[in-house]
Each structure stands twice: as structure tokens, then as C-alpha cells.
Amino acid sequence: MSEEVSKEKAKEIIEMLTGGGSIDSINTSLALGILPLVESIGDLDLLERLVEHAQNVAEDDIEKGWARFEHLKRNSGSIDDIAELAFHSESLEKGEPLAAAVLHHHALMLLSIDDVDSAQTSVRRSLTIRESIDDKEGIIYGLAVLSRCSRLNQDWDSAIIHDTRRLELAIAQQNDILHMEALADVAHAQASLGELGTASELYQESLDLAKRLEHPAGHLVASWGVADLAEIETRYDDALLALSDTMHLFMQLGIPAPDLLKKRLHALTSLGEEVK
């Protein structure tokens, strides 16, 4: 939701829903639903109030679980706290979506401390639940985490299997952003196995989607991969062209370009001058 409206429109919607004491009339579902909008305008005080309000007005165990989950995510809840909530959620009637989401987050927390094996266990459990409720988008996100675990274990064949399924699901869901991301990840895995031609084609497909969507992060990831492959083949001009295109998109959108992009462009420019 926060990606679909401008910052000004977000402020207008939030003011309408929460201004003048009207926050007291908001139910848990709405309070949690507008959190991304509030985050997009950077109102941390309102964010905290909404999470607290959501917990106070929750009417059943499912709503209490979702509100508790948001509270833990935003207040440095421990891995054990998240694990406890996941265990509790699985025991609730119709608690599958909540349990799957909490287990997914649990896996990400475990990855942050390099406990890859435990992370795989949690995300596989989350995926099993999401498969059972046919949560296609959730499955795509779960496969992305499973792929990340495989990459950390240098298991590129498994990463390709997970990412290829992500890609197929994203295409079926007609979700261009997830399609773009999956293409880049399959490309990276293929490149790691030495399949540079396949990787180049996939990176280019991802880059084409990123250009059409004007998606700076996707553009950066794909062009970085294109540049990597070009440099391997000593096509420095092609690498420079790909990354320069990304720099232009950041400038066009008025977004500060990452320092790493600036440094790599400078290095490629210098290298190109030496080669000439």
C-alpha cells in the first residue's frame, strides 16, 4: 500500500484515519494495515502508538497474535520470543497464515546470526504451512529464503531449484517485481556454476524488467550482474555502460546513488582509460 501512494497522499490518509483522536475507533486489522503507510512517512511515534493500540483492542487470539508479532518485530523481540509465538500460533484455529509469517521471520532472524541449518528448518516449516493454504506469494518469499540458505552453504544446484520454482510462480502470479528478483537470483546461481551464457541472458531479462518498472534496486542488482560477466570477458565498456544506465535511473528518480555504484563506475572509467 505504501508503494502505491505518494508521501503526501499517505499523510492525508493517515491524518484522516488517526487525527483528532479517531485512532481510538480503529480496529486491530486496520491499525496493523496502515503501519506500512506510517513507516513511509517516518512517523515513529504514531507507529508505536498504533502497534500498542492494535494490541489493546485485539478481539481474538488471531488478532492478538498479529499484534504481538508486530510489537516483537518493532521492539527487538528475541529469537526465543518469536519461536514461542510461532509455536502458539500453530495451535490456533485458522492460525496458519500467522504461524507461517512468524516462522518465516524466525528463519530470517536465525540467518542474521549465521545459524543456517536452523533457519532452513524454520523456513521449511513455514513453506509447508503456506503450501497447505495455497499462499502463492508467501511460497515465493519462503523459497527466496530457502535459496539464500542454499547459497550460504554453496549449494548452487539447490539454489537454482528453489529460484526456478520462484520464477515459475512469479510468472504465474503476474508479479513483475518478484519475477525480476527471481531472474536475477537464478542468474547469479548459474554464474556461480560457470554457466555464464545462461546467466547473462537471465540478468538481461531481469534488467529489462527493472527498466520497464523503473525499479532502482532491481536495476542495480541486474546491471551489477551484467557488469560482473562483462568484466570476466574483459568487456569493460559494456560493464561501464550497464552501470552508467543504473546511475542515470537513480538521478532521474532523484534518489542518491549507492557509494559502491559510484566507486565501481570510477574504477571502470579509470580501467577503460588505461586499456585505451
Protein backbone atom coordinates (compact mmCIF):
# COMPACT_ATOMS: atom_id res chain seq x y z
CA MET A 1 0.00 0.00 0.00
CA SER A 2 2.77 2.42 0.90
CA GLU A 3 4.35 1.78 -2.52
CA GLU A 4 1.15 2.71 -4.34
CA VAL A 5 0.63 6.22 -2.98
CA SER A 6 2.74 9.36 -2.76
CA LYS A 7 4.11 10.58 0.55
CA GLU A 8 1.63 13.48 0.51
CA LYS A 9 -1.31 11.15 -0.12
CA ALA A 10 -0.07 8.82 2.62
CA LYS A 11 -0.06 11.71 5.10
CA GLU A 12 -3.59 12.63 4.05
CA ILE A 13 -4.88 9.10 4.55
CA ILE A 14 -3.15 8.72 7.90
CA GLU A 15 -4.47 12.05 9.15
CA MET A 16 -7.99 11.06 8.14
CA LEU A 17 -7.75 7.75 9.99
CA THR A 18 -5.85 8.83 13.10
CA GLY A 19 -6.26 12.58 13.51
CA GLY A 20 -8.35 14.20 16.23
CA GLY A 21 -8.47 11.16 18.45
CA SER A 22 -10.00 8.94 15.77
CA ILE A 23 -7.24 6.40 16.38
CA ASP A 24 -9.38 5.12 19.26
CA SER A 25 -12.01 3.89 16.82
CA ILE A 26 -9.58 1.90 14.66
CA ASN A 27 -9.70 -1.88 14.99
CA THR A 28 -6.64 -4.14 15.10
CA SER A 29 -6.77 -5.12 11.44
CA LEU A 30 -6.84 -1.51 10.23
CA ALA A 31 -4.21 -0.38 12.72
CA LEU A 32 -1.81 -3.05 11.51
CA GLY A 33 -2.79 -2.50 7.88
CA ILE A 34 -1.74 1.15 7.84
CA LEU A 35 1.64 0.55 9.51
CA PRO A 36 3.48 0.49 6.13
CA LEU A 37 1.95 3.88 5.27
CA VAL A 38 3.04 5.33 8.60
CA GLU A 39 6.52 3.90 8.09
CA SER A 40 6.67 5.52 4.65
CA ILE A 41 6.30 9.00 6.19
CA GLY A 42 8.69 8.25 9.05
CA ASP A 43 6.30 8.96 11.95
CA LEU A 44 7.85 6.65 14.54
CA ASP A 45 5.76 7.98 17.41
CA LEU A 46 2.50 7.19 15.60
CA LEU A 47 3.90 3.82 14.58
CA GLU A 48 4.49 2.91 18.20
CA ARG A 49 1.04 4.15 19.23
CA LEU A 50 -0.66 2.13 16.51
CA VAL A 51 1.13 -1.09 17.46
CA GLU A 52 0.20 -0.57 21.11
CA HIS A 53 -3.38 0.28 20.15
CA ALA A 54 -3.62 -2.84 17.97
CA GLN A 55 -2.65 -4.99 20.93
CA ASN A 56 -5.12 -3.27 23.27
CA VAL A 57 -8.18 -3.64 21.02
CA ALA A 58 -7.47 -7.14 19.66
CA GLU A 59 -10.67 -9.16 19.90
CA ASP A 60 -9.45 -12.74 19.49
CA ASP A 61 -6.31 -14.85 19.67
CA ILE A 62 -5.52 -14.39 15.98
CA GLU A 63 -5.63 -10.60 16.21
CA LYS A 64 -3.64 -10.72 19.44
CA GLY A 65 -1.06 -12.88 17.68
CA TRP A 66 -0.66 -10.50 14.73
CA ALA A 67 -0.43 -7.51 17.06
CA ARG A 68 2.11 -9.32 19.25
CA PHE A 69 4.12 -10.19 16.13
CA GLU A 70 4.30 -6.55 15.03
CA HIS A 71 5.27 -5.50 18.54
CA LEU A 72 8.11 -8.02 18.67
CA LYS A 73 9.40 -7.09 15.20
CA ARG A 74 9.50 -3.39 16.03
CA ASN A 75 10.80 -3.68 19.60
CA SER A 76 13.76 -6.02 19.23
CA GLY A 77 11.92 -9.15 20.25
CA SER A 78 14.30 -12.06 20.82
CA ILE A 79 14.58 -15.17 18.66
CA ASP A 80 13.10 -17.15 21.54
CA ASP A 81 10.13 -14.76 21.77
CA ILE A 82 9.44 -15.23 18.06
CA ALA A 83 9.81 -19.01 18.34
CA GLU A 84 7.33 -19.05 21.23
CA LEU A 85 4.81 -17.03 19.21
CA ALA A 86 5.24 -19.37 16.24
CA PHE A 87 4.58 -22.41 18.45
CA HIS A 88 1.50 -20.75 19.94
CA SER A 89 0.19 -19.65 16.53
CA GLU A 90 0.30 -23.19 15.14
CA SER A 91 -2.07 -24.30 17.90
CA LEU A 92 -4.71 -21.69 16.98
CA GLU A 93 -7.71 -22.46 14.82
CA LYS A 94 -7.18 -20.66 11.49
CA GLY A 95 -3.77 -19.59 12.73
CA GLU A 96 -1.88 -20.92 9.70
CA PRO A 97 -1.20 -17.54 7.99
CA LEU A 98 0.11 -16.09 11.26
CA ALA A 99 2.24 -19.15 12.04
CA ALA A 100 3.74 -19.15 8.54
CA ALA A 101 4.62 -15.45 8.76
CA VAL A 102 6.18 -15.80 12.22
CA LEU A 103 8.20 -18.87 11.21
CA HIS A 104 9.44 -17.01 8.12
CA HIS A 105 10.60 -14.12 10.31
CA HIS A 106 12.16 -16.61 12.72
CA ALA A 107 14.20 -18.00 9.82
CA LEU A 108 15.42 -14.52 8.88
CA MET A 109 16.48 -13.85 12.47
CA LEU A 110 18.41 -17.14 12.55
CA LEU A 111 20.14 -16.22 9.29
CA SER A 112 21.20 -12.92 10.88
CA ILE A 113 23.26 -14.91 13.41
CA ASP A 114 24.53 -17.36 10.75
CA ASP A 115 22.53 -20.33 12.05
CA VAL A 116 21.76 -21.57 8.55
CA ASP A 117 20.62 -25.09 9.48
CA SER A 118 18.04 -23.86 11.99
CA ALA A 119 16.91 -21.19 9.54
CA GLN A 120 16.28 -23.88 6.93
CA THR A 121 14.19 -25.84 9.42
CA SER A 122 12.02 -22.82 10.22
CA VAL A 123 11.52 -21.69 6.63
CA ARG A 124 10.71 -25.24 5.50
CA ARG A 125 8.02 -25.42 8.20
CA SER A 126 6.70 -22.04 7.08
CA LEU A 127 6.63 -23.24 3.46
CA THR A 128 4.77 -26.42 4.42
CA ILE A 129 2.07 -24.32 6.07
CA ARG A 130 1.91 -21.91 3.12
CA GLU A 131 1.59 -24.83 0.71
CA SER A 132 -1.33 -26.15 2.78
CA ILE A 133 -3.24 -22.84 2.50
CA ASP A 134 -2.14 -22.19 -1.11
CA ASP A 135 -0.42 -18.91 -0.21
CA LYS A 136 1.38 -18.46 -3.54
CA GLU A 137 3.06 -15.15 -2.73
CA GLY A 138 4.15 -16.43 0.66
CA ILE A 139 5.62 -19.52 -1.01
CA ILE A 140 7.67 -17.28 -3.31
CA TYR A 141 9.10 -15.37 -0.34
CA GLY A 142 9.80 -18.62 1.50
CA LEU A 143 11.63 -20.08 -1.48
CA ALA A 144 13.78 -16.94 -1.61
CA VAL A 145 14.91 -17.58 1.97
CA LEU A 146 15.47 -21.27 1.26
CA SER A 147 17.56 -20.27 -1.75
CA ARG A 148 19.58 -17.91 0.41
CA CYS A 149 20.30 -20.76 2.82
CA SER A 150 21.49 -22.91 -0.09
CA ARG A 151 23.76 -20.10 -1.31
CA LEU A 152 25.32 -19.70 2.11
CA ASN A 153 26.05 -23.44 2.02
CA GLN A 154 27.49 -23.08 -1.51
CA ASP A 155 24.80 -25.48 -2.72
CA TRP A 156 24.18 -23.80 -6.07
CA ASP A 157 22.19 -26.66 -7.59
CA SER A 158 19.61 -26.45 -4.79
CA ALA A 159 19.56 -22.67 -5.06
CA ILE A 160 18.71 -22.96 -8.76
CA ILE A 161 15.90 -25.41 -8.00
CA HIS A 162 14.35 -23.08 -5.41
CA ASP A 163 14.81 -19.96 -7.54
CA THR A 164 13.44 -21.63 -10.66
CA ARG A 165 10.27 -22.53 -8.80
CA ARG A 166 10.09 -18.94 -7.52
CA LEU A 167 10.40 -17.76 -11.07
CA GLU A 168 7.62 -20.03 -12.31
CA LEU A 169 5.28 -18.94 -9.50
CA ALA A 170 6.05 -15.25 -10.01
CA ILE A 171 5.26 -15.55 -13.72
CA ALA A 172 2.02 -17.40 -12.94
CA GLN A 173 1.09 -14.70 -10.41
CA GLN A 174 1.95 -12.00 -12.97
CA ASN A 175 4.05 -10.27 -10.31
CA ASP A 176 6.71 -8.37 -12.25
CA ILE A 177 8.80 -7.39 -9.23
CA LEU A 178 9.06 -10.95 -7.89
CA HIS A 179 9.69 -12.12 -11.47
CA MET A 180 12.54 -9.61 -11.81
CA GLU A 181 14.09 -10.63 -8.48
CA ALA A 182 13.88 -14.36 -9.22
CA LEU A 183 15.51 -13.92 -12.63
CA ALA A 184 18.49 -12.15 -11.06
CA ASP A 185 18.89 -14.83 -8.40
CA VAL A 186 18.77 -17.69 -10.92
CA ALA A 187 21.32 -15.77 -13.00
CA HIS A 188 23.64 -15.43 -10.00
CA ALA A 189 23.44 -19.14 -9.21
CA GLN A 190 24.06 -20.07 -12.86
CA ALA A 191 27.09 -17.77 -12.97
CA SER A 192 28.43 -19.40 -9.81
CA LEU A 193 28.29 -22.75 -11.61
CA GLY A 194 30.17 -21.30 -14.58
CA GLU A 195 27.13 -21.12 -16.88
CA LEU A 196 27.98 -17.58 -17.97
CA GLY A 197 25.93 -17.54 -21.17
CA THR A 198 22.74 -18.59 -19.38
CA ALA A 199 23.48 -16.17 -16.55
CA SER A 200 23.96 -13.29 -18.99
CA GLU A 201 20.61 -13.91 -20.66
CA LEU A 202 18.80 -14.11 -17.31
CA TYR A 203 20.45 -10.97 -15.95
CA GLN A 204 19.45 -9.14 -19.13
CA GLU A 205 15.83 -10.28 -18.76
CA SER A 206 15.83 -9.06 -15.17
CA LEU A 207 17.38 -5.76 -16.25
CA ASP A 208 14.77 -5.29 -18.97
CA LEU A 209 12.00 -5.74 -16.40
CA ALA A 210 13.71 -3.35 -13.98
CA LYS A 211 13.95 -0.72 -16.71
CA ARG A 212 10.28 -1.07 -17.57
CA LEU A 213 9.29 -0.87 -13.91
CA GLU A 214 11.80 1.94 -13.17
CA HIS A 215 12.82 -0.14 -10.15
CA PRO A 216 16.18 1.19 -8.91
CA ALA A 217 17.10 -1.73 -6.63
CA GLY A 218 16.26 -4.31 -9.28
CA HIS A 219 18.10 -2.25 -11.89
CA LEU A 220 21.20 -2.13 -9.68
CA VAL A 221 21.22 -5.87 -8.93
CA ALA A 222 20.78 -6.88 -12.57
CA SER A 223 23.22 -4.34 -14.03
CA TRP A 224 25.79 -5.32 -11.39
CA GLY A 225 25.50 -8.91 -12.56
CA VAL A 226 25.72 -7.88 -16.22
CA ALA A 227 28.84 -5.85 -15.38
CA ASP A 228 30.41 -8.76 -13.50
CA LEU A 229 30.03 -11.03 -16.51
CA ALA A 230 31.25 -8.34 -18.88
CA GLU A 231 34.38 -7.81 -16.76
CA ILE A 232 35.11 -11.55 -16.73
CA GLU A 233 35.18 -11.35 -20.52
CA THR A 234 37.19 -8.08 -20.36
CA ARG A 235 34.33 -6.15 -21.98
CA TYR A 236 34.91 -3.13 -19.77
CA ASP A 237 32.94 -0.74 -21.95
CA ASP A 238 29.86 -2.95 -21.66
CA ALA A 239 30.25 -3.11 -17.89
CA LEU A 240 30.55 0.67 -17.72
CA LEU A 241 27.52 1.14 -19.94
CA ALA A 242 25.33 -1.14 -17.83
CA LEU A 243 26.23 0.56 -14.55
CA SER A 244 26.04 4.07 -16.05
CA ASP A 245 22.48 3.27 -17.09
CA THR A 246 21.69 2.44 -13.47
CA MET A 247 23.29 5.68 -12.27
CA HIS A 248 21.12 7.62 -14.70
CA LEU A 249 17.98 5.95 -13.32
CA PHE A 250 18.89 6.93 -9.74
CA MET A 251 19.47 10.50 -10.90
CA GLN A 252 16.22 10.54 -12.88
CA LEU A 253 14.25 9.39 -9.83
CA GLY A 254 16.03 11.82 -7.52
CA ILE A 255 17.44 9.01 -5.36
CA PRO A 256 21.02 9.16 -4.01
CA ALA A 257 23.12 6.52 -5.77
CA PRO A 258 24.86 3.95 -3.54
CA ASP A 259 28.53 4.69 -2.84
CA LEU A 260 29.51 1.25 -4.12
CA LEU A 261 28.00 2.08 -7.50
CA LYS A 262 29.91 5.38 -7.68
CA LYS A 263 33.18 3.68 -6.71
CA ARG A 264 32.75 0.91 -9.27
CA LEU A 265 31.93 3.37 -12.03
CA HIS A 266 35.03 5.38 -11.16
CA ALA A 267 37.17 2.22 -11.20
CA LEU A 268 35.76 1.10 -14.55
CA THR A 269 36.31 4.55 -16.05
CA SER A 270 39.93 4.54 -14.90
CA LEU A 271 40.43 0.99 -16.14
CA GLY A 272 38.96 1.84 -19.53
CA GLU A 273 41.36 4.76 -19.90
CA GLU A 274 44.33 2.52 -19.03
CA VAL A 275 43.26 -0.12 -21.55
CA LYS A 276 42.98 2.53 -24.29
